[in-house]
Protein backbone atom coordinates (compact mmCIF):
# COMPACT_ATOMS: atom_id res chain seq x y z
CA MET A 1 42.93 24.37 46.34
CA SER A 2 45.34 26.50 48.35
CA GLY A 3 47.64 28.42 46.00
CA GLN A 4 45.45 27.85 42.94
CA ILE A 5 44.72 30.87 40.74
CA LEU A 6 41.08 31.35 39.74
CA GLY A 7 39.94 33.70 37.03
CA ASP A 8 43.60 34.57 36.28
CA ARG A 9 43.42 36.94 39.25
CA TYR A 10 42.45 35.36 42.57
CA GLU A 11 44.88 33.21 44.56
CA VAL A 12 43.09 30.80 46.89
CA GLU A 13 44.27 30.89 50.51
CA LYS A 14 41.90 28.41 52.13
CA GLN A 15 38.45 26.91 52.12
CA ILE A 16 36.10 28.52 54.63
CA GLY A 17 32.86 26.69 53.79
CA LYS A 18 31.65 23.59 52.02
CA GLN A 19 28.28 22.16 51.07
CA THR A 20 27.27 19.63 48.44
CA GLY A 21 28.18 21.17 45.08
CA ARG A 22 29.24 24.49 46.66
CA TRP A 23 32.47 25.77 48.16
CA THR A 24 33.31 29.07 49.80
CA LEU A 25 36.95 30.17 49.53
CA LEU A 26 39.09 32.90 51.00
CA ALA A 27 41.38 34.30 48.31
CA ARG A 28 43.65 37.24 47.56
CA ASP A 29 43.06 39.57 44.64
CA LEU A 30 46.47 39.71 42.92
CA GLN A 31 45.65 43.09 41.40
CA THR A 32 44.57 44.92 44.57
CA GLN A 33 46.20 42.59 47.17
CA GLU A 34 42.93 42.62 49.07
CA ARG A 35 41.30 39.52 50.46
CA VAL A 36 38.01 38.47 48.87
CA VAL A 37 35.43 35.71 49.26
CA ILE A 38 34.80 33.41 46.31
CA LYS A 39 31.65 31.32 46.20
CA LEU A 40 31.86 28.39 43.77
CA LEU A 41 28.89 26.45 42.41
CA PHE A 42 29.98 23.29 40.59
CA LEU A 43 28.06 22.71 37.36
CA ALA A 44 27.89 18.93 37.52
CA ASP A 45 25.29 17.03 35.55
CA GLN A 46 23.35 16.32 38.74
CA ILE A 47 23.18 19.98 39.84
CA ASP A 48 19.91 20.85 41.52
CA SER A 49 17.96 23.49 39.61
CA ASP A 50 17.08 25.22 42.91
CA ASP A 51 20.80 25.54 43.76
CA LEU A 52 21.46 27.20 40.39
CA LYS A 53 18.47 29.51 40.84
CA LEU A 54 19.60 30.55 44.33
CA PHE A 55 23.16 31.18 43.15
CA GLU A 56 22.07 33.31 40.20
CA ARG A 57 19.68 35.22 42.46
CA GLU A 58 22.47 35.94 44.96
CA VAL A 59 24.60 37.35 42.13
CA GLU A 60 21.82 39.59 40.84
CA VAL A 61 20.76 40.82 44.29
CA LEU A 62 24.30 41.62 45.44
CA LYS A 63 24.85 43.59 42.23
CA SER A 64 21.90 45.79 43.17
CA LEU A 65 22.84 46.43 46.80
CA SER A 66 25.09 49.08 48.27
CA HIS A 67 25.44 49.11 52.04
CA PRO A 68 28.64 49.29 54.13
CA LEU A 69 27.59 46.43 56.42
CA ILE A 70 26.73 43.79 53.84
CA PRO A 71 29.03 42.09 51.28
CA ARG A 72 29.76 44.07 48.11
CA TYR A 73 29.61 42.43 44.70
CA LEU A 74 33.01 42.42 42.96
CA GLY A 75 32.63 40.09 40.02
CA PHE A 76 31.34 36.91 38.45
CA PHE A 77 32.90 34.42 36.04
CA GLU A 78 32.86 30.80 34.92
CA GLN A 79 35.87 28.78 36.08
CA PRO A 80 37.04 25.70 34.12
CA LEU A 81 38.19 22.81 36.30
CA PRO A 82 40.07 19.57 35.42
CA ASN A 83 36.93 17.44 35.39
CA ASP A 84 34.24 20.04 35.73
CA ARG A 85 33.45 23.73 35.60
CA ALA A 86 32.05 26.12 38.21
CA LEU A 87 30.39 29.48 38.52
CA ALA A 88 32.33 31.90 40.72
CA LEU A 89 30.90 34.87 42.65
CA ILE A 90 33.44 37.35 44.04
CA GLN A 91 32.49 39.54 46.99
CA THR A 92 34.22 41.59 49.66
CA TYR A 93 35.66 39.81 52.68
CA VAL A 94 34.85 40.88 56.24
CA GLU A 95 37.46 39.81 58.76
CA GLY A 96 35.60 39.36 62.00
CA ARG A 97 34.10 36.92 64.45
CA SER A 98 30.61 35.52 64.08
CA LEU A 99 28.06 35.58 66.86
CA GLU A 100 27.95 31.79 66.55
CA ASP A 101 31.65 31.69 67.46
CA CYS A 102 30.85 33.77 70.55
CA ILE A 103 28.08 31.36 71.58
CA GLN A 104 30.30 28.32 71.04
CA GLN A 105 32.90 29.89 73.32
CA GLY A 106 30.31 30.08 76.09
CA ARG A 107 29.45 33.76 75.95
CA ILE A 108 26.01 34.83 77.16
CA PHE A 109 25.02 38.30 75.99
CA THR A 110 23.37 40.78 78.35
CA GLU A 111 20.11 42.52 77.53
CA ALA A 112 21.96 45.79 76.82
CA GLU A 113 24.40 44.06 74.45
CA THR A 114 21.62 42.17 72.71
CA ARG A 115 19.57 45.31 72.32
CA GLN A 116 22.48 47.12 70.63
CA LEU A 117 23.07 44.19 68.27
CA ALA A 118 19.37 44.11 67.43
CA LYS A 119 19.38 47.81 66.57
CA ALA A 120 22.35 47.35 64.24
CA ILE A 121 20.80 44.38 62.41
CA LEU A 122 17.41 46.09 62.20
CA SER A 123 19.07 49.10 60.56
CA ILE A 124 20.42 46.76 57.87
CA LEU A 125 16.99 45.15 57.46
CA VAL A 126 15.37 48.58 57.11
CA TYR A 127 17.65 49.09 54.09
CA LEU A 128 17.08 45.62 52.59
CA HIS A 129 13.31 45.61 53.08
CA GLY A 130 13.14 49.17 51.75
CA CYS A 131 14.61 48.18 48.39
CA GLN A 132 12.31 47.93 45.38
CA PRO A 133 11.42 45.12 45.34
CA PRO A 134 12.15 44.34 49.02
CA VAL A 135 15.11 42.00 49.63
CA ILE A 136 14.55 39.19 52.16
CA HIS A 137 17.65 37.51 53.58
CA ARG A 138 15.83 34.31 54.70
CA ASP A 139 18.74 32.92 56.73
CA ILE A 140 19.44 35.30 59.61
CA LYS A 141 21.24 33.38 62.37
CA PRO A 142 24.30 33.87 64.60
CA SER A 143 26.78 32.39 62.10
CA ASN A 144 25.70 34.94 59.46
CA ILE A 145 26.27 37.96 61.70
CA LEU A 146 29.87 39.13 62.08
CA LEU A 147 31.45 41.53 64.55
CA ALA A 148 34.25 43.46 62.89
CA ASN A 149 35.80 46.85 63.64
CA ARG A 150 33.14 47.49 66.30
CA GLN A 151 30.41 47.12 63.70
CA VAL A 152 27.83 44.45 62.94
CA HIS A 153 27.84 42.89 59.46
CA LEU A 154 25.16 40.69 57.89
CA VAL A 155 26.68 38.15 55.48
CA ASP A 156 25.84 35.08 53.35
CA PHE A 157 23.08 36.07 50.96
CA GLY A 158 22.88 32.57 49.51
CA SER A 159 19.22 32.22 50.48
CA VAL A 160 18.17 35.72 49.47
CA LYS A 161 15.04 36.49 47.49
CA THR A 162 13.11 39.54 46.41
CA PHE A 163 9.55 39.92 47.59
CA LYS A 164 6.59 40.58 45.33
CA GLY A 165 3.57 41.64 47.31
CA ASN A 166 1.14 39.30 45.54
CA GLU A 167 3.09 36.16 46.48
CA THR A 168 1.35 33.83 48.93
CA THR A 169 3.26 30.59 48.40
CA GLY A 170 6.69 29.54 47.17
CA PHE A 171 8.49 26.47 46.03
CA THR A 172 12.01 26.66 47.47
CA VAL A 173 12.39 25.93 51.18
CA VAL A 174 15.54 27.56 52.55
CA GLY A 175 16.72 28.67 55.96
CA THR A 176 18.02 27.04 59.13
CA TYR A 177 15.90 24.97 61.49
CA GLY A 178 15.32 26.74 64.79
CA TYR A 179 15.68 30.16 63.19
CA MET A 180 13.11 29.74 60.39
CA PRO A 181 9.57 31.04 60.89
CA PRO A 182 6.73 28.59 60.18
CA GLU A 183 5.84 30.16 56.84
CA GLN A 184 9.28 29.41 55.40
CA PHE A 185 8.66 25.68 55.78
CA SER A 186 6.07 26.05 53.02
CA GLY A 187 8.42 28.11 50.85
CA ARG A 188 6.88 31.47 51.73
CA ALA A 189 8.92 34.42 52.97
CA ILE A 190 8.00 38.05 53.59
CA PRO A 191 9.89 40.85 55.38
CA ALA A 192 8.40 39.78 58.74
CA SER A 193 10.05 36.37 58.22
CA ASP A 194 13.47 37.99 58.69
CA LEU A 195 12.21 39.55 61.92
CA PHE A 196 11.27 36.14 63.33
CA SER A 197 14.76 34.86 62.49
CA LEU A 198 16.30 37.91 64.14
CA GLY A 199 14.21 37.31 67.26
CA ALA A 200 15.31 33.66 67.42
CA THR A 201 18.91 34.81 66.99
CA LEU A 202 18.59 37.26 69.88
CA VAL A 203 17.11 34.54 72.09
CA ALA A 204 20.12 32.34 71.28
CA LEU A 205 22.48 35.16 72.29
CA LEU A 206 20.66 35.71 75.60
CA THR A 207 20.60 32.02 76.52
CA GLY A 208 23.63 30.51 74.76
CA THR A 209 21.25 27.80 73.53
CA HIS A 210 19.99 26.85 70.07
CA PRO A 211 16.33 27.94 69.76
CA SER A 212 15.22 24.38 68.95
CA SER A 213 16.35 23.31 72.45
CA LEU A 214 14.55 26.06 74.36
CA PRO A 215 11.22 25.73 76.24
CA ARG A 216 8.06 26.53 74.33
CA ARG A 217 4.46 27.44 75.03
CA GLY A 218 2.78 25.32 72.38
CA VAL A 219 4.74 26.09 69.20
CA LYS A 220 6.00 29.45 70.47
CA LEU A 221 9.36 30.15 72.09
CA ASP A 222 8.83 30.89 75.77
CA THR A 223 10.75 34.14 76.21
CA SER A 224 9.35 34.53 79.75
CA ARG A 225 11.88 31.94 80.96
CA ILE A 226 14.90 34.01 79.91
CA ALA A 227 16.56 35.31 83.06
CA ASN A 228 17.30 38.96 83.82
CA LEU A 229 15.20 40.55 81.08
CA SER A 230 13.16 43.69 81.56
CA PRO A 231 9.42 43.24 80.93
CA GLU A 232 9.61 45.65 77.99
CA PHE A 233 12.39 43.78 76.16
CA SER A 234 10.90 40.36 76.89
CA ASN A 235 7.56 41.50 75.52
CA TRP A 236 9.25 42.97 72.43
CA LEU A 237 11.14 39.70 71.80
CA ASP A 238 7.92 37.76 72.21
CA TRP A 239 6.44 39.93 69.45
CA LEU A 240 9.27 39.09 67.04
CA VAL A 241 9.10 35.32 67.50
CA ASP A 242 5.33 34.99 67.30
CA PRO A 243 4.67 32.10 64.88
CA ASN A 244 1.40 33.77 63.84
CA LEU A 245 2.15 36.25 61.06
CA ASP A 246 -0.94 38.30 61.93
CA LYS A 247 0.39 38.86 65.46
CA ARG A 248 4.09 39.33 64.60
CA VAL A 249 5.70 42.74 64.18
CA LYS A 250 5.17 43.81 60.58
CA SER A 251 8.30 45.78 59.66
CA ALA A 252 11.91 46.42 60.63
CA GLN A 253 11.06 50.11 61.06
CA GLU A 254 8.35 49.27 63.61
CA ALA A 255 10.62 46.84 65.45
CA LEU A 256 13.41 49.43 65.60
CA ALA A 257 11.08 52.21 66.75
CA THR A 258 9.70 50.13 69.64
CA ILE A 259 12.79 48.24 70.85
CA ASP A 260 13.41 50.49 73.86
CA GLN A 261 9.87 50.88 75.20
CA GLY A 262 8.58 47.45 74.15
CA ARG A 263 5.69 46.20 72.09
CA PRO A 264 2.76 48.63 72.00
CA LEU A 265 -0.09 47.15 74.02
CA ALA A 266 -3.56 47.07 72.56
CA PRO A 267 -5.61 49.82 74.13
CA THR A 268 -8.06 48.59 76.70
CA THR A 269 -11.76 48.84 75.96
CA THR A 270 -12.65 48.75 79.66
CA PRO A 271 -14.17 52.11 80.68
CA PRO A 272 -13.17 53.50 84.08
CA LEU A 273 -15.81 52.79 86.70
CA PRO A 274 -16.58 54.63 89.94
CA LYS A 275 -15.68 52.99 93.22
CA PRO A 276 -18.68 51.11 94.63
CA PRO A 277 -20.25 52.77 97.67
CA ASN A 278 -19.59 51.16 101.05
CA THR A 279 -16.70 49.00 99.74
CA LYS A 280 -13.72 48.67 102.05
CA ILE A 281 -11.34 47.69 99.21
CA THR A 282 -8.56 50.19 98.55
CA VAL A 283 -6.61 50.73 95.32
CA MET A 284 -3.34 52.66 95.44
CA LYS A 285 -1.62 53.31 92.12
CA ASP A 286 0.91 55.47 90.34
CA ALA A 287 3.01 55.06 87.20
CA ARG A 288 5.28 52.50 88.92
CA SER A 289 2.95 50.23 90.85
CA LEU A 290 -0.62 49.13 91.57
CA GLU A 291 -1.67 47.87 95.00
CA VAL A 292 -5.10 46.38 95.78
CA THR A 293 -5.99 45.62 99.42
CA ILE A 294 -9.08 43.54 100.20
CA PRO A 295 -9.88 43.39 103.93
CA SER A 296 -11.41 40.31 105.56
CA THR A 297 -12.73 39.48 109.02
CA LEU A 298 -9.34 38.31 110.34
CA GLY A 299 -6.91 40.04 107.98
CA GLN A 300 -6.49 41.05 104.36
CA THR A 301 -5.52 39.94 100.84
CA GLN A 302 -3.13 42.16 98.91
CA LEU A 303 -2.36 42.21 95.17
CA THR A 304 0.74 44.18 94.10
CA ILE A 305 1.94 44.72 90.52
CA ASP A 306 5.04 46.73 89.69
CA SER A 307 7.57 46.82 86.82
CA GLN A 308 9.19 43.57 87.95
CA GLN A 309 6.51 41.23 89.27
CA ILE A 310 2.94 40.46 90.29
CA SER A 311 2.44 39.30 93.88
CA LEU A 312 -0.57 38.05 95.86
CA SER A 313 -0.27 37.72 99.64
CA THR A 314 -2.63 37.05 102.54
CA ARG A 315 -2.35 38.12 106.18
CA ARG A 316 -4.38 36.84 109.12
CA LEU A 317 -4.29 38.39 112.58
CA GLY A 318 -1.34 40.49 111.42
CA LEU A 319 0.75 37.47 110.33
CA SER A 320 1.59 36.22 106.85
CA ALA A 321 -0.56 33.24 105.86
CA GLY A 322 1.96 31.40 103.69
CA ARG A 323 4.40 32.63 101.10
CA PRO A 324 3.29 35.26 98.58
CA LEU A 325 2.36 33.99 95.12
CA THR A 326 4.71 35.76 92.68
CA SER A 327 5.45 35.78 88.94
CA PRO A 328 7.46 38.05 86.64
CA ARG A 329 5.38 41.03 85.47
CA HIS A 330 5.96 40.28 81.79
CA THR A 331 4.29 36.85 82.12
CA ILE A 332 0.87 38.42 82.68
CA LYS A 333 -1.20 37.08 79.79
CA ARG A 334 -4.82 38.05 80.35
CA ILE A 335 -7.46 39.33 82.78
CA GLU A 336 -10.72 37.47 83.25
CA ARG A 337 -13.90 38.47 85.06
CA SER A 338 -16.38 35.77 86.06
CA LYS A 339 -19.87 36.18 87.45
CA ALA A 340 -21.72 34.13 90.05
CA LEU A 341 -23.78 31.65 88.03
CA LYS A 342 -25.55 29.78 90.84
CA PRO A 343 -26.26 30.16 94.56
CA GLY A 344 -23.12 29.80 96.62
CA ASP A 345 -20.84 31.08 93.84
CA SER A 346 -19.03 34.38 94.15
CA PRO A 347 -17.87 36.62 91.29
CA GLN A 348 -14.12 36.60 90.71
CA LEU A 349 -11.36 38.54 89.05
CA VAL A 350 -8.61 36.27 87.69
CA ILE A 351 -5.21 37.42 86.40
CA TRP A 352 -3.28 34.79 84.43
CA ALA A 353 0.53 34.87 84.52
CA GLU A 354 2.90 31.99 85.29
CA GLN A 355 0.31 31.17 87.95
CA LYS A 356 -3.36 31.91 88.49
CA TYR A 357 -4.17 34.95 90.65
CA GLU A 358 -7.73 34.93 92.00
CA LEU A 359 -9.49 37.82 93.72
CA GLY A 360 -12.94 37.20 95.10
CA THR A 361 -12.81 33.73 96.65
CA THR A 362 -11.65 34.66 100.16
CA PRO A 363 -13.17 37.01 101.07
CA PRO A 364 -16.02 37.00 98.50
CA LEU A 365 -16.60 40.15 96.46
CA THR A 366 -19.77 41.70 95.08
CA GLU A 367 -20.43 41.97 91.34
CA ALA A 368 -19.90 45.73 91.54
CA GLU A 369 -16.54 45.30 93.31
CA VAL A 370 -15.30 42.80 90.71
CA GLU A 371 -16.38 45.08 87.85
CA TRP A 372 -14.61 48.04 89.46
CA LEU A 373 -11.40 46.10 90.19
CA ALA A 374 -11.36 44.68 86.66
CA SER A 375 -11.56 48.22 85.30
CA GLU A 376 -8.78 49.48 87.61
CA VAL A 377 -6.37 46.59 86.88
CA ALA A 378 -7.06 46.51 83.13
CA ASN A 379 -6.57 50.23 82.67
CA TRP A 380 -3.34 50.22 84.69
CA LEU A 381 -1.93 47.24 82.75
CA LYS A 382 -3.35 48.55 79.46
CA MET A 383 -4.88 45.16 78.77
CA PRO A 384 -8.44 44.18 77.84
CA VAL A 385 -10.69 42.17 80.16
CA ASN A 386 -11.90 38.84 78.80
């Protein structure tokens, strides 16, 4: 179609996208000499009613939006063709490079770069989700995010919908596998759905890998395996990509407000306890680290937790008894306290991370010592005891 004039005004330069029944063209406005994007929907007899509904919705939503970092509506007309006719949507063109292009060229984004991109996209989502009714993009992914003039643009509103608070189910399944949250597979989408897609996009930037190919814990993306992430950012990402809507971050404003310090931890319900009398266990702690030392007949066991890792080591007769057991700090999942249920058992404190960290087996601890240590560790980590 290169060189063809559409709408008596737009000269087609090239095709930049194609799907069944839909084309996306780059054209020049002969009146303003500016480049524009033309989306064509061919009105064949076999046109899918959902395709027509989505196209009309994109037109209406773009008409209502005004933001410098999303496409601007320029016009709409019906275009006769030799053997057919098509609906044409005209919108502004952003000349830039997509994040998908960056990934395909082998670029791996740093945490700092990813954090800045996330802030920019979240600012756009704050605007979209703050509209009345809220506008949900439903297809956030690297190919729909462009870098242009040192700014981040969100494009392709072909899957957009407005959200009515009383909706619980839908009928049109749209989105891209790997970036879609579970609820979109049943046709449902709410503002938090865009946040899941953003989280999956950020994971792809950090790893250079499509989310569908990344390790999982059950059905959830395993963000703990991403190298060189701070505990705070890893925990925040984990919040975004939680498949459980009840546990996922609720709004773009909340995600933006917490991106630097990480997901707020649930306050612990463990009350501080006094140190048991006659115990030889020591606990040293400040804002940066926690160190528990449990002496034994021939040596000691030491648990250390800081901003980077959790470590459990044992020394006998002044020498290390094997390599320390270590895991990244952000992989700490829960704290468990178990009691002695029968003769010969000893109460234990267990911290679950990438590995199991047990305190109370060698040397054995008293019930009072386990209760006190559970309180100290839980309050320092700001986690509940199970």
